[in-house]
Amino acid sequence: MNRKLKEIGRMAGCPVKLTFYVSRHGWASIAQSQRIPLPVISEALGHDSENTTRIYLALLDTSVVDRANSKVIRSVCKQETRHV
């Protein structure tokens, strides 16, 4: 399966090597960001429990860290332009 996914990704010009793992995580992340109901995501992922899905999605949620990184980078860039 991974071999076929990599081939599809290459044909589509995808910058990331597609694997089952990447596809599954990507689907779950997009579904969550599109506000797909938790029971639907849970069923699609084949989880027996919605709690498992909650944990899985929490591990994928990097938005808080992403926002913090953006703030730090903006701050550093502002400081560098002041010193130039």
N, C-alpha and C. Protein backbone atom coordinates (compact mmCIF):
# COMPACT_ATOMS: atom_id res chain seq x y z
N MET A 1 0.82 -1.18 0.00
CA MET A 1 0.00 0.00 0.00
C MET A 1 0.88 1.26 0.00
N ASN A 2 1.90 1.30 0.84
CA ASN A 2 2.77 2.48 0.90
C ASN A 2 3.44 2.74 -0.44
N ARG A 3 3.82 1.69 -1.13
CA ARG A 3 4.46 1.85 -2.45
C ARG A 3 3.51 2.56 -3.42
N LYS A 4 2.26 2.14 -3.42
CA LYS A 4 1.26 2.76 -4.30
C LYS A 4 1.01 4.22 -3.90
N LEU A 5 0.92 4.48 -2.61
CA LEU A 5 0.70 5.85 -2.15
C LEU A 5 1.86 6.75 -2.54
N LYS A 6 3.08 6.25 -2.41
CA LYS A 6 4.25 7.05 -2.81
C LYS A 6 4.20 7.35 -4.30
N GLU A 7 3.79 6.37 -5.08
CA GLU A 7 3.69 6.56 -6.53
C GLU A 7 2.62 7.61 -6.86
N ILE A 8 1.48 7.53 -6.19
CA ILE A 8 0.41 8.51 -6.40
C ILE A 8 0.89 9.90 -6.02
N GLY A 9 1.57 10.01 -4.89
CA GLY A 9 2.10 11.29 -4.44
C GLY A 9 3.09 11.87 -5.42
N ARG A 10 3.96 11.02 -5.95
CA ARG A 10 4.95 11.47 -6.93
C ARG A 10 4.25 11.97 -8.19
N MET A 11 3.26 11.23 -8.65
CA MET A 11 2.53 11.62 -9.86
C MET A 11 1.77 12.94 -9.66
N ALA A 12 1.31 13.17 -8.44
CA ALA A 12 0.56 14.39 -8.13
C ALA A 12 1.48 15.56 -7.81
N GLY A 13 2.78 15.29 -7.74
CA GLY A 13 3.73 16.36 -7.41
C GLY A 13 3.70 16.75 -5.94
N CYS A 14 3.29 15.83 -5.11
CA CYS A 14 3.21 16.09 -3.67
C CYS A 14 4.63 16.18 -3.09
N PRO A 15 4.92 17.25 -2.32
CA PRO A 15 6.26 17.41 -1.78
C PRO A 15 6.59 16.44 -0.64
N VAL A 16 5.57 15.78 -0.10
CA VAL A 16 5.76 14.84 1.01
C VAL A 16 5.54 13.43 0.46
N LYS A 17 6.40 12.50 0.87
CA LYS A 17 6.20 11.11 0.46
C LYS A 17 4.97 10.57 1.17
N LEU A 18 3.97 10.21 0.38
CA LEU A 18 2.74 9.70 0.97
C LEU A 18 2.95 8.28 1.48
N THR A 19 2.48 8.05 2.68
CA THR A 19 2.45 6.73 3.28
C THR A 19 1.09 6.57 3.93
N PHE A 20 0.77 5.37 4.36
CA PHE A 20 -0.49 5.15 5.06
C PHE A 20 -0.54 6.05 6.29
N TYR A 21 0.56 6.13 7.02
CA TYR A 21 0.65 6.95 8.23
C TYR A 21 0.38 8.41 7.91
N VAL A 22 1.05 8.96 6.91
CA VAL A 22 0.88 10.37 6.53
C VAL A 22 -0.55 10.62 6.06
N SER A 23 -1.08 9.73 5.26
CA SER A 23 -2.45 9.89 4.75
C SER A 23 -3.47 9.87 5.87
N ARG A 24 -3.31 8.94 6.79
CA ARG A 24 -4.24 8.83 7.92
C ARG A 24 -4.20 10.08 8.79
N HIS A 25 -3.00 10.53 9.13
CA HIS A 25 -2.86 11.72 9.96
C HIS A 25 -3.36 12.96 9.22
N GLY A 26 -3.04 13.04 7.94
CA GLY A 26 -3.51 14.17 7.15
C GLY A 26 -5.03 14.23 7.10
N TRP A 27 -5.65 13.09 6.86
CA TRP A 27 -7.10 13.04 6.79
C TRP A 27 -7.71 13.46 8.13
N ALA A 28 -7.19 12.93 9.22
CA ALA A 28 -7.72 13.25 10.54
C ALA A 28 -7.56 14.74 10.85
N SER A 29 -6.42 15.31 10.52
CA SER A 29 -6.18 16.74 10.77
C SER A 29 -7.13 17.61 9.97
N ILE A 30 -7.28 17.28 8.70
CA ILE A 30 -8.18 18.07 7.84
C ILE A 30 -9.62 17.91 8.30
N ALA A 31 -10.02 16.70 8.63
CA ALA A 31 -11.39 16.48 9.11
C ALA A 31 -11.66 17.30 10.36
N GLN A 32 -10.71 17.32 11.28
CA GLN A 32 -10.88 18.10 12.51
C GLN A 32 -10.97 19.59 12.19
N SER A 33 -10.09 20.08 11.31
CA SER A 33 -10.10 21.51 10.99
C SER A 33 -11.37 21.92 10.25
N GLN A 34 -12.00 20.97 9.56
CA GLN A 34 -13.26 21.24 8.86
C GLN A 34 -14.47 20.98 9.76
N ARG A 35 -14.20 20.75 11.02
CA ARG A 35 -15.24 20.54 12.03
C ARG A 35 -16.16 19.34 11.73
N ILE A 36 -15.56 18.30 11.17
CA ILE A 36 -16.29 17.04 10.99
C ILE A 36 -16.58 16.51 12.39
N PRO A 37 -17.79 16.06 12.66
CA PRO A 37 -18.12 15.58 14.01
C PRO A 37 -17.20 14.44 14.46
N LEU A 38 -16.86 14.47 15.73
CA LEU A 38 -15.97 13.47 16.32
C LEU A 38 -16.42 12.03 16.04
N PRO A 39 -17.72 11.71 16.17
CA PRO A 39 -18.12 10.32 15.89
C PRO A 39 -17.81 9.89 14.45
N VAL A 40 -17.89 10.81 13.52
CA VAL A 40 -17.60 10.49 12.12
C VAL A 40 -16.11 10.23 11.94
N ILE A 41 -15.28 11.10 12.53
CA ILE A 41 -13.83 10.92 12.45
C ILE A 41 -13.44 9.60 13.10
N SER A 42 -14.01 9.33 14.27
CA SER A 42 -13.71 8.11 15.00
C SER A 42 -14.05 6.87 14.17
N GLU A 43 -15.21 6.89 13.55
CA GLU A 43 -15.61 5.75 12.72
C GLU A 43 -14.70 5.61 11.51
N ALA A 44 -14.37 6.72 10.88
CA ALA A 44 -13.51 6.67 9.69
C ALA A 44 -12.12 6.13 10.01
N LEU A 45 -11.63 6.44 11.20
CA LEU A 45 -10.32 5.95 11.61
C LEU A 45 -10.36 4.53 12.14
N GLY A 46 -11.57 4.01 12.36
CA GLY A 46 -11.71 2.65 12.85
C GLY A 46 -11.46 2.51 14.34
N HIS A 47 -11.63 3.62 15.07
CA HIS A 47 -11.43 3.56 16.52
C HIS A 47 -12.66 2.95 17.19
N ASP A 48 -12.44 2.16 18.22
CA ASP A 48 -13.53 1.57 18.98
C ASP A 48 -14.17 2.58 19.93
N SER A 49 -13.40 3.60 20.27
CA SER A 49 -13.85 4.57 21.26
C SER A 49 -13.59 5.99 20.76
N GLU A 50 -14.55 6.88 21.01
CA GLU A 50 -14.33 8.29 20.67
C GLU A 50 -13.22 8.88 21.53
N ASN A 51 -13.00 8.31 22.71
CA ASN A 51 -11.92 8.79 23.56
C ASN A 51 -10.57 8.55 22.89
N THR A 52 -10.42 7.42 22.23
CA THR A 52 -9.19 7.14 21.47
C THR A 52 -9.00 8.21 20.41
N THR A 53 -10.08 8.58 19.74
CA THR A 53 -10.00 9.60 18.69
C THR A 53 -9.62 10.95 19.28
N ARG A 54 -10.19 11.28 20.44
CA ARG A 54 -9.83 12.55 21.11
C ARG A 54 -8.33 12.60 21.39
N ILE A 55 -7.79 11.52 21.92
CA ILE A 55 -6.35 11.45 22.22
C ILE A 55 -5.55 11.57 20.93
N TYR A 56 -5.96 10.85 19.92
CA TYR A 56 -5.28 10.86 18.61
C TYR A 56 -5.26 12.28 18.04
N LEU A 57 -6.41 12.95 18.06
CA LEU A 57 -6.49 14.31 17.52
C LEU A 57 -5.69 15.29 18.36
N ALA A 58 -5.66 15.10 19.66
CA ALA A 58 -4.88 16.00 20.52
C ALA A 58 -3.40 15.89 20.19
N LEU A 59 -2.95 14.69 19.88
CA LEU A 59 -1.55 14.50 19.52
C LEU A 59 -1.22 15.17 18.18
N LEU A 60 -2.22 15.28 17.31
CA LEU A 60 -2.02 15.89 16.00
C LEU A 60 -2.11 17.41 16.05
N ASP A 61 -2.75 17.95 17.09
CA ASP A 61 -3.00 19.39 17.15
C ASP A 61 -1.74 20.14 17.53
N THR A 62 -1.10 20.69 16.53
CA THR A 62 0.12 21.48 16.76
C THR A 62 -0.16 22.97 16.63
N SER A 63 -1.43 23.35 16.51
CA SER A 63 -1.75 24.75 16.25
C SER A 63 -1.28 25.68 17.36
N VAL A 64 -1.35 25.25 18.61
CA VAL A 64 -0.91 26.10 19.72
C VAL A 64 0.60 26.33 19.61
N VAL A 65 1.34 25.28 19.37
CA VAL A 65 2.79 25.41 19.22
C VAL A 65 3.12 26.21 17.97
N ASP A 66 2.38 25.99 16.89
CA ASP A 66 2.61 26.75 15.66
C ASP A 66 2.43 28.24 15.89
N ARG A 67 1.37 28.61 16.61
CA ARG A 67 1.13 30.04 16.90
C ARG A 67 2.25 30.60 17.77
N ALA A 68 2.69 29.85 18.75
CA ALA A 68 3.79 30.31 19.61
C ALA A 68 5.06 30.50 18.80
N ASN A 69 5.36 29.55 17.93
CA ASN A 69 6.55 29.68 17.08
C ASN A 69 6.46 30.91 16.18
N SER A 70 5.30 31.17 15.63
CA SER A 70 5.12 32.35 14.78
C SER A 70 5.37 33.63 15.55
N LYS A 71 4.87 33.71 16.78
CA LYS A 71 5.09 34.90 17.61
C LYS A 71 6.57 35.10 17.90
N VAL A 72 7.25 34.02 18.23
CA VAL A 72 8.69 34.12 18.53
C VAL A 72 9.45 34.57 17.29
N ILE A 73 9.15 33.98 16.16
CA ILE A 73 9.84 34.35 14.92
C ILE A 73 9.58 35.81 14.57
N ARG A 74 8.33 36.26 14.69
CA ARG A 74 8.03 37.67 14.40
C ARG A 74 8.80 38.58 15.34
N SER A 75 8.89 38.21 16.60
CA SER A 75 9.61 39.02 17.58
C SER A 75 11.09 39.10 17.23
N VAL A 76 11.68 37.97 16.87
CA VAL A 76 13.09 37.95 16.50
C VAL A 76 13.32 38.80 15.26
N CYS A 77 12.46 38.67 14.28
CA CYS A 77 12.61 39.45 13.04
C CYS A 77 12.49 40.95 13.32
N LYS A 78 11.59 41.34 14.19
CA LYS A 78 11.44 42.76 14.54
C LYS A 78 12.70 43.27 15.22
N GLN A 79 13.26 42.46 16.11
CA GLN A 79 14.48 42.88 16.81
C GLN A 79 15.65 43.00 15.85
N GLU A 80 15.74 42.10 14.88
CA GLU A 80 16.84 42.15 13.92
C GLU A 80 16.75 43.38 13.04
N THR A 81 15.54 43.79 12.66
CA THR A 81 15.41 44.97 11.80
C THR A 81 15.72 46.24 12.57
N ARG A 82 15.54 46.24 13.87
CA ARG A 82 15.88 47.41 14.69
C ARG A 82 17.38 47.60 14.80
N HIS A 83 18.11 46.49 14.74
CA HIS A 83 19.56 46.55 14.90
C HIS A 83 20.28 46.81 13.58
N VAL A 84 19.56 46.84 12.50
CA VAL A 84 20.19 47.05 11.18
C VAL A 84 20.29 48.51 10.87
